[in-house]
Structure formats: C-alpha cells, structure tokens
Amino acid sequence: MTRAFLFDMDGTLVDSLADIGGAMNFVLRESGFPEHPIDRYRMLVGEGVGQLVGKAIPPGNDARIDEIGKRYRARYRENLIALSRPYDGIVALLDALRARGDRLGVVTNKPQALAELVADRLFGAGAFDVVVGERDGVPRKPDPAPARLAASALGLSASACVFVGDTFVDIHTARAAEMKSVGVLWGFRDRAELEEAGADHIALHPNEILAL
C-alpha cells in the first residue's frame, strides 16, 4: 500500500533553532527590545511568524507585530541555513522510506517560500513530493487544512498518511486531519507535551519510525 509520511520542518526534520532565534534577536535588538536566550525559542516557535513575534516582543506592542514580522522574515531569509542542519538520522530515514515506496511531504507553519528553500538547500531539489507552508487562504496548523492539502496533492486519503512532528501543534493537526501521528523527542518539545496532545506513537530516534 502506498503511504505518505508528512513531516513538520523545524524541530522535526531540521534543527533550525539557532537561525530562527538569531534572526528574531537581531530584529528585537534593532527595535530596542530585549533579546531571548536561543534555547527559549523552543517554546516560541511552531505556530507561524505572527505568533512567534507576538510571543517574542514585550507585552503592549501588538501594533508592531506585522512590521517586526516583515523584518524578521527578511533577516531570516538572509541567514536561512547558516547554522541549520538536518537532525542525525533524518536523511537516512527519508532515503529508507523513499526506497520502500512511501511518499514524502512537508507540512509546516514556516512561510511557503522559505519552506521550499530550506527543503531544497538541505535535502536537495525534489526530495519531497509536496511542501505545504504558510500561505494565503490556508489556515495554519493545527487546523487540518494544510495536512489535508498535502494528502490531496499526493492523491492519498488521510488514512494513508502518517504525520510526524515535535510539538502539540503537529499532534493536534494529525488528529484533526484523521491521520496517525508520531511525536518525536529529538526536537523542540518534550514527551509530556506530546503524550498530553495524544500522539499515537513517540519516537526517540528517526530509525524507530521505520518500524511503526
């Protein structure tokens, strides 16, 4: 049976925390706002740029979210993969899944253009059959729309897809889309969050996904 594995990007496929946090801190510094320790961004990312900015800036500055978001996107694009790398074992996992006939997709709240750039630069053009990022007209995860859009692009039903991610956002997305979910422990969040969200499986290392 043809199956698809749909992966979140940041914290699941790619360790991107230093580049995301570095770009956000650069813009905060320029704006006269306090910066955050890079590790703090583990709890700030995952729900799109608007949510990231809203959590990163001091309270009472909501009117500046759009402006700072635009500057963040520009700075991040300039340093997209300065320090970002695939997690250990991810490339081997993708190769193994592809070799046995599974389809591969990315479903992320990263802006569409940036998601495509990261996918191409770190994994090679065509590594994924579909990449669905933040785009106009499509709600962000945890709304099921992006996952369902990816499944539709692959010509598969939701039941033929497994959603893999590292945060409650990904697990809630999978449940809402009626897909099986795998929570991963090498990313930005911990086991407690994934279990509370209702993950069907928890993986400590990428090679465990092959046995599911």
C-alpha atoms as a PDB file:
ATOM      1  CA  MET A   1       0.000   0.000   0.000  1.00  0.00           C
ATOM      2  CA  THR A   2       1.277   3.438  -0.907  1.00  0.00           C
ATOM      3  CA  ARG A   3       1.644   5.580   2.184  1.00  0.00           C
ATOM      4  CA  ALA A   4       2.806   9.102   2.847  1.00  0.00           C
ATOM      5  CA  PHE A   5       4.837  10.466   5.720  1.00  0.00           C
ATOM      6  CA  LEU A   6       4.149  14.144   6.271  1.00  0.00           C
ATOM      7  CA  PHE A   7       6.819  15.888   8.322  1.00  0.00           C
ATOM      8  CA  ASP A   8       6.836  19.106  10.245  1.00  0.00           C
ATOM      9  CA  MET A   9      10.016  21.010   9.377  1.00  0.00           C
ATOM     10  CA  ASP A  10      11.519  22.968  12.297  1.00  0.00           C
ATOM     11  CA  GLY A  11      12.296  20.687  15.209  1.00  0.00           C
ATOM     12  CA  THR A  12      11.427  17.546  13.239  1.00  0.00           C
ATOM     13  CA  LEU A  13      13.436  17.487  10.019  1.00  0.00           C
ATOM     14  CA  VAL A  14      15.730  20.424  10.706  1.00  0.00           C
ATOM     15  CA  ASP A  15      17.493  21.766  13.793  1.00  0.00           C
ATOM     16  CA  SER A  16      16.876  25.404  12.932  1.00  0.00           C
ATOM     17  CA  LEU A  17      16.629  26.978  16.375  1.00  0.00           C
ATOM     18  CA  ALA A  18      19.880  28.971  16.150  1.00  0.00           C
ATOM     19  CA  ASP A  19      18.942  30.577  12.832  1.00  0.00           C
ATOM     20  CA  ILE A  20      15.363  31.341  13.854  1.00  0.00           C
ATOM     21  CA  GLY A  21      16.381  32.705  17.252  1.00  0.00           C
ATOM     22  CA  GLY A  22      19.332  34.585  15.815  1.00  0.00           C
ATOM     23  CA  ALA A  23      17.159  36.362  13.234  1.00  0.00           C
ATOM     24  CA  MET A  24      14.488  37.218  15.793  1.00  0.00           C
ATOM     25  CA  ASN A  25      17.059  38.507  18.289  1.00  0.00           C
ATOM     26  CA  PHE A  26      18.629  40.682  15.596  1.00  0.00           C
ATOM     27  CA  VAL A  27      15.278  42.357  14.924  1.00  0.00           C
ATOM     28  CA  LEU A  28      14.469  42.676  18.628  1.00  0.00           C
ATOM     29  CA  ARG A  29      17.824  44.336  19.220  1.00  0.00           C
ATOM     30  CA  GLU A  30      17.251  46.762  16.341  1.00  0.00           C
ATOM     31  CA  SER A  31      13.830  47.578  17.773  1.00  0.00           C
ATOM     32  CA  GLY A  32      15.152  48.317  21.238  1.00  0.00           C
ATOM     33  CA  PHE A  33      13.525  45.226  22.742  1.00  0.00           C
ATOM     34  CA  PRO A  34      15.242  42.661  24.981  1.00  0.00           C
ATOM     35  CA  GLU A  35      16.549  39.516  23.335  1.00  0.00           C
ATOM     36  CA  HIS A  36      15.865  35.925  24.391  1.00  0.00           C
ATOM     37  CA  PRO A  37      18.303  33.059  25.027  1.00  0.00           C
ATOM     38  CA  ILE A  38      18.303  30.855  21.913  1.00  0.00           C
ATOM     39  CA  ASP A  39      17.018  27.870  23.872  1.00  0.00           C
ATOM     40  CA  ARG A  40      13.952  29.899  24.865  1.00  0.00           C
ATOM     41  CA  TYR A  41      12.815  29.806  21.237  1.00  0.00           C
ATOM     42  CA  ARG A  42      11.958  26.115  21.685  1.00  0.00           C
ATOM     43  CA  MET A  43       8.765  27.315  23.325  1.00  0.00           C
ATOM     44  CA  LEU A  44       8.098  30.230  20.951  1.00  0.00           C
ATOM     45  CA  VAL A  45       8.179  28.564  17.537  1.00  0.00           C
ATOM     46  CA  GLY A  46       5.689  26.280  15.828  1.00  0.00           C
ATOM     47  CA  GLU A  47       2.593  28.413  15.281  1.00  0.00           C
ATOM     48  CA  GLY A  48       3.733  30.740  12.495  1.00  0.00           C
ATOM     49  CA  VAL A  49       5.651  34.004  12.265  1.00  0.00           C
ATOM     50  CA  GLY A  50       2.873  36.146  13.729  1.00  0.00           C
ATOM     51  CA  GLN A  51       2.687  34.021  16.862  1.00  0.00           C
ATOM     52  CA  LEU A  52       6.487  33.930  17.151  1.00  0.00           C
ATOM     53  CA  VAL A  53       6.726  37.719  17.008  1.00  0.00           C
ATOM     54  CA  GLY A  54       3.804  38.181  19.359  1.00  0.00           C
ATOM     55  CA  LYS A  55       5.457  35.972  21.969  1.00  0.00           C
ATOM     56  CA  ALA A  56       8.947  37.442  21.464  1.00  0.00           C
ATOM     57  CA  ILE A  57       8.157  41.147  21.811  1.00  0.00           C
ATOM     58  CA  PRO A  58       7.225  42.744  25.136  1.00  0.00           C
ATOM     59  CA  PRO A  59       3.511  42.984  26.012  1.00  0.00           C
ATOM     60  CA  GLY A  60       1.723  46.064  24.770  1.00  0.00           C
ATOM     61  CA  ASN A  61       3.380  46.129  21.340  1.00  0.00           C
ATOM     62  CA  ASP A  62       0.842  44.182  19.293  1.00  0.00           C
ATOM     63  CA  ALA A  63       0.540  47.065  16.823  1.00  0.00           C
ATOM     64  CA  ARG A  64       4.115  46.328  15.722  1.00  0.00           C
ATOM     65  CA  ILE A  65       3.688  42.599  15.051  1.00  0.00           C
ATOM     66  CA  ASP A  66       3.263  42.970  11.279  1.00  0.00           C
ATOM     67  CA  GLU A  67       6.181  45.382  10.914  1.00  0.00           C
ATOM     68  CA  ILE A  68       8.549  43.279  13.015  1.00  0.00           C
ATOM     69  CA  GLY A  69       7.346  40.134  11.275  1.00  0.00           C
ATOM     70  CA  LYS A  70       8.330  41.548   7.878  1.00  0.00           C
ATOM     71  CA  ARG A  71      11.777  42.500   9.165  1.00  0.00           C
ATOM     72  CA  TYR A  72      12.186  39.102  10.770  1.00  0.00           C
ATOM     73  CA  ARG A  73      11.336  37.312   7.514  1.00  0.00           C
ATOM     74  CA  ALA A  74      13.885  39.409   5.623  1.00  0.00           C
ATOM     75  CA  ARG A  75      16.641  38.790   8.178  1.00  0.00           C
ATOM     76  CA  TYR A  76      15.855  35.084   8.448  1.00  0.00           C
ATOM     77  CA  ARG A  77      15.885  34.642   4.666  1.00  0.00           C
ATOM     78  CA  GLU A  78      19.397  36.130   4.577  1.00  0.00           C
ATOM     79  CA  ASN A  79      20.608  33.540   7.117  1.00  0.00           C
ATOM     80  CA  LEU A  80      18.248  30.692   6.324  1.00  0.00           C
ATOM     81  CA  ILE A  81      20.648  27.790   6.771  1.00  0.00           C
ATOM     82  CA  ALA A  82      23.690  29.473   8.295  1.00  0.00           C
ATOM     83  CA  LEU A  83      23.577  27.013  11.205  1.00  0.00           C
ATOM     84  CA  SER A  84      20.557  24.838  10.397  1.00  0.00           C
ATOM     85  CA  ARG A  85      21.133  21.154   9.629  1.00  0.00           C
ATOM     86  CA  PRO A  86      19.021  18.001   9.318  1.00  0.00           C
ATOM     87  CA  TYR A  87      18.872  16.072  12.576  1.00  0.00           C
ATOM     88  CA  ASP A  88      21.067  12.986  12.819  1.00  0.00           C
ATOM     89  CA  GLY A  89      19.362  10.053  11.126  1.00  0.00           C
ATOM     90  CA  ILE A  90      16.820  12.105   9.185  1.00  0.00           C
ATOM     91  CA  VAL A  91      18.440  11.813   5.759  1.00  0.00           C
ATOM     92  CA  ALA A  92      18.829   8.044   6.206  1.00  0.00           C
ATOM     93  CA  LEU A  93      15.177   7.795   7.289  1.00  0.00           C
ATOM     94  CA  LEU A  94      13.953   9.703   4.242  1.00  0.00           C
ATOM     95  CA  ASP A  95      16.085   7.550   1.944  1.00  0.00           C
ATOM     96  CA  ALA A  96      14.726   4.356   3.512  1.00  0.00           C
ATOM     97  CA  LEU A  97      11.102   5.482   3.310  1.00  0.00           C
ATOM     98  CA  ARG A  98      11.509   6.516  -0.304  1.00  0.00           C
ATOM     99  CA  ALA A  99      13.259   3.237  -1.178  1.00  0.00           C
ATOM    100  CA  ARG A 100      10.305   1.187   0.050  1.00  0.00           C
ATOM    101  CA  GLY A 101       7.845   3.261  -1.963  1.00  0.00           C
ATOM    102  CA  ASP A 102       6.467   5.709   0.586  1.00  0.00           C
ATOM    103  CA  ARG A 103       5.669   9.276  -0.453  1.00  0.00           C
ATOM    104  CA  LEU A 104       7.239  12.166   1.455  1.00  0.00           C
ATOM    105  CA  GLY A 105       5.834  15.567   2.321  1.00  0.00           C
ATOM    106  CA  VAL A 106       6.468  18.616   4.474  1.00  0.00           C
ATOM    107  CA  VAL A 107       3.660  20.428   6.294  1.00  0.00           C
ATOM    108  CA  THR A 108       4.929  23.441   8.208  1.00  0.00           C
ATOM    109  CA  ASN A 109       3.879  26.840   9.519  1.00  0.00           C
ATOM    110  CA  LYS A 110       7.064  28.299   8.021  1.00  0.00           C
ATOM    111  CA  PRO A 111       6.192  30.654   5.123  1.00  0.00           C
ATOM    112  CA  GLN A 112       5.838  28.717   1.866  1.00  0.00           C
ATOM    113  CA  ALA A 113       8.784  30.290   0.024  1.00  0.00           C
ATOM    114  CA  LEU A 114      11.143  29.782   2.969  1.00  0.00           C
ATOM    115  CA  ALA A 115       9.970  26.203   3.493  1.00  0.00           C
ATOM    116  CA  GLU A 116      10.713  25.376  -0.129  1.00  0.00           C
ATOM    117  CA  LEU A 117      14.157  26.977   0.087  1.00  0.00           C
ATOM    118  CA  VAL A 118      15.092  25.040   3.230  1.00  0.00           C
ATOM    119  CA  ALA A 119      13.832  21.771   1.740  1.00  0.00           C
ATOM    120  CA  ASP A 120      15.798  22.266  -1.488  1.00  0.00           C
ATOM    121  CA  ARG A 121      19.006  23.521   0.123  1.00  0.00           C
ATOM    122  CA  LEU A 122      19.263  20.951   2.915  1.00  0.00           C
ATOM    123  CA  PHE A 123      17.731  17.892   1.240  1.00  0.00           C
ATOM    124  CA  GLY A 124      18.048  18.542  -2.485  1.00  0.00           C
ATOM    125  CA  ALA A 125      15.510  19.571  -5.104  1.00  0.00           C
ATOM    126  CA  GLY A 126      12.699  17.058  -5.360  1.00  0.00           C
ATOM    127  CA  ALA A 127      13.450  15.352  -2.056  1.00  0.00           C
ATOM    128  CA  PHE A 128       9.800  15.813  -1.070  1.00  0.00           C
ATOM    129  CA  ASP A 129       6.767  15.111  -3.194  1.00  0.00           C
ATOM    130  CA  VAL A 130       4.916  18.049  -1.694  1.00  0.00           C
ATOM    131  CA  VAL A 131       5.777  21.019   0.541  1.00  0.00           C
ATOM    132  CA  VAL A 132       2.934  22.904   2.214  1.00  0.00           C
ATOM    133  CA  GLY A 133       3.913  26.008   4.140  1.00  0.00           C
ATOM    134  CA  GLU A 134       2.108  29.071   5.443  1.00  0.00           C
ATOM    135  CA  ARG A 135       0.237  30.628   2.534  1.00  0.00           C
ATOM    136  CA  ASP A 136      -2.690  32.943   1.906  1.00  0.00           C
ATOM    137  CA  GLY A 137      -6.080  31.294   2.048  1.00  0.00           C
ATOM    138  CA  VAL A 138      -4.973  28.240   4.039  1.00  0.00           C
ATOM    139  CA  PRO A 139      -5.235  28.209   7.847  1.00  0.00           C
ATOM    140  CA  ARG A 140      -2.082  27.335   9.764  1.00  0.00           C
ATOM    141  CA  LYS A 141      -1.599  24.162  11.777  1.00  0.00           C
ATOM    142  CA  PRO A 142      -3.192  22.909  14.000  1.00  0.00           C
ATOM    143  CA  ASP A 143      -6.050  23.429  11.551  1.00  0.00           C
ATOM    144  CA  PRO A 144      -6.160  20.230   9.467  1.00  0.00           C
ATOM    145  CA  ALA A 145      -6.316  22.119   6.146  1.00  0.00           C
ATOM    146  CA  PRO A 146      -2.542  22.069   5.381  1.00  0.00           C
ATOM    147  CA  ALA A 147      -2.273  18.330   6.097  1.00  0.00           C
ATOM    148  CA  ARG A 148      -5.336  17.570   4.010  1.00  0.00           C
ATOM    149  CA  LEU A 149      -3.966  19.752   1.215  1.00  0.00           C
ATOM    150  CA  ALA A 150      -0.745  17.723   1.226  1.00  0.00           C
ATOM    151  CA  ALA A 151      -2.637  14.424   1.155  1.00  0.00           C
ATOM    152  CA  SER A 152      -4.787  15.647  -1.721  1.00  0.00           C
ATOM    153  CA  ALA A 153      -1.717  16.743  -3.688  1.00  0.00           C
ATOM    154  CA  LEU A 154      -0.359  13.209  -3.287  1.00  0.00           C
ATOM    155  CA  GLY A 155      -3.646  11.639  -4.331  1.00  0.00           C
ATOM    156  CA  LEU A 156      -3.962   9.832  -0.999  1.00  0.00           C
ATOM    157  CA  SER A 157      -6.575   9.611   1.717  1.00  0.00           C
ATOM    158  CA  ALA A 158      -5.896  10.867   5.219  1.00  0.00           C
ATOM    159  CA  SER A 159      -5.833   7.266   6.473  1.00  0.00           C
ATOM    160  CA  ALA A 160      -2.838   6.573   4.223  1.00  0.00           C
ATOM    161  CA  CYS A 161      -0.820   9.392   5.820  1.00  0.00           C
ATOM    162  CA  VAL A 162       1.312   9.492   8.949  1.00  0.00           C
ATOM    163  CA  PHE A 163       2.013  12.924  10.413  1.00  0.00           C
ATOM    164  CA  VAL A 164       5.383  13.357  12.151  1.00  0.00           C
ATOM    165  CA  GLY A 165       6.157  16.326  14.381  1.00  0.00           C
ATOM    166  CA  ASP A 166       7.701  17.565  17.609  1.00  0.00           C
ATOM    167  CA  THR A 167       5.005  19.754  19.196  1.00  0.00           C
ATOM    168  CA  PHE A 168       1.376  19.649  20.303  1.00  0.00           C
ATOM    169  CA  VAL A 169       0.566  21.664  17.182  1.00  0.00           C
ATOM    170  CA  ASP A 170       1.594  18.733  14.977  1.00  0.00           C
ATOM    171  CA  ILE A 171      -0.244  16.125  17.022  1.00  0.00           C
ATOM    172  CA  HIS A 172      -3.422  18.214  17.078  1.00  0.00           C
ATOM    173  CA  THR A 173      -3.074  18.692  13.311  1.00  0.00           C
ATOM    174  CA  ALA A 174      -2.853  14.952  12.756  1.00  0.00           C
ATOM    175  CA  ARG A 175      -5.845  14.231  14.971  1.00  0.00           C
ATOM    176  CA  ALA A 176      -7.960  16.908  13.292  1.00  0.00           C
ATOM    177  CA  ALA A 177      -6.997  15.576   9.856  1.00  0.00           C
ATOM    178  CA  GLU A 178      -7.702  11.979  10.956  1.00  0.00           C
ATOM    179  CA  MET A 179      -4.122  10.870  10.367  1.00  0.00           C
ATOM    180  CA  LYS A 180      -1.902   8.722  12.556  1.00  0.00           C
ATOM    181  CA  SER A 181       0.636  10.783  14.472  1.00  0.00           C
ATOM    182  CA  VAL A 182       4.231  10.303  15.560  1.00  0.00           C
ATOM    183  CA  GLY A 183       5.706  12.655  18.146  1.00  0.00           C
ATOM    184  CA  VAL A 184       9.494  12.963  18.046  1.00  0.00           C
ATOM    185  CA  LEU A 185      11.751  13.563  21.029  1.00  0.00           C
ATOM    186  CA  TRP A 186      14.800  14.978  19.234  1.00  0.00           C
ATOM    187  CA  GLY A 187      13.025  18.287  18.519  1.00  0.00           C
ATOM    188  CA  PHE A 188      11.955  21.337  20.489  1.00  0.00           C
ATOM    189  CA  ARG A 189       9.438  19.900  22.991  1.00  0.00           C
ATOM    190  CA  ASP A 190       9.277  17.030  25.464  1.00  0.00           C
ATOM    191  CA  ARG A 191       7.473  13.713  25.891  1.00  0.00           C
ATOM    192  CA  ALA A 192       4.909  15.117  28.315  1.00  0.00           C
ATOM    193  CA  GLU A 193       3.633  17.624  25.757  1.00  0.00           C
ATOM    194  CA  LEU A 194       3.382  15.008  23.014  1.00  0.00           C
ATOM    195  CA  GLU A 195       1.628  12.475  25.211  1.00  0.00           C
ATOM    196  CA  GLU A 196      -0.819  15.061  26.535  1.00  0.00           C
ATOM    197  CA  ALA A 197      -1.607  16.065  22.947  1.00  0.00           C
ATOM    198  CA  GLY A 198      -2.496  12.431  22.180  1.00  0.00           C
ATOM    199  CA  ALA A 199       0.354  11.224  19.951  1.00  0.00           C
ATOM    200  CA  ASP A 200      -0.264   7.710  18.628  1.00  0.00           C
ATOM    201  CA  HIS A 201       3.444   6.912  18.774  1.00  0.00           C
ATOM    202  CA  ILE A 202       6.546   8.505  20.301  1.00  0.00           C
ATOM    203  CA  ALA A 203       9.943   8.143  18.581  1.00  0.00           C
ATOM    204  CA  LEU A 204      13.273   8.716  20.281  1.00  0.00           C
ATOM    205  CA  HIS A 205      15.323   8.351  17.065  1.00  0.00           C
ATOM    206  CA  PRO A 206      14.377   8.631  13.374  1.00  0.00           C
ATOM    207  CA  ASN A 207      15.079   4.962  12.659  1.00  0.00           C
ATOM    208  CA  GLU A 208      12.239   3.983  15.019  1.00  0.00           C
ATOM    209  CA  ILE A 209       9.755   5.411  12.516  1.00  0.00           C
ATOM    210  CA  LEU A 210      10.649   2.686  10.015  1.00  0.00           C
ATOM    211  CA  ALA A 211       9.337   0.015  12.375  1.00  0.00           C
ATOM    212  CA  LEU A 212       5.956   1.605  13.032  1.00  0.00           C
END
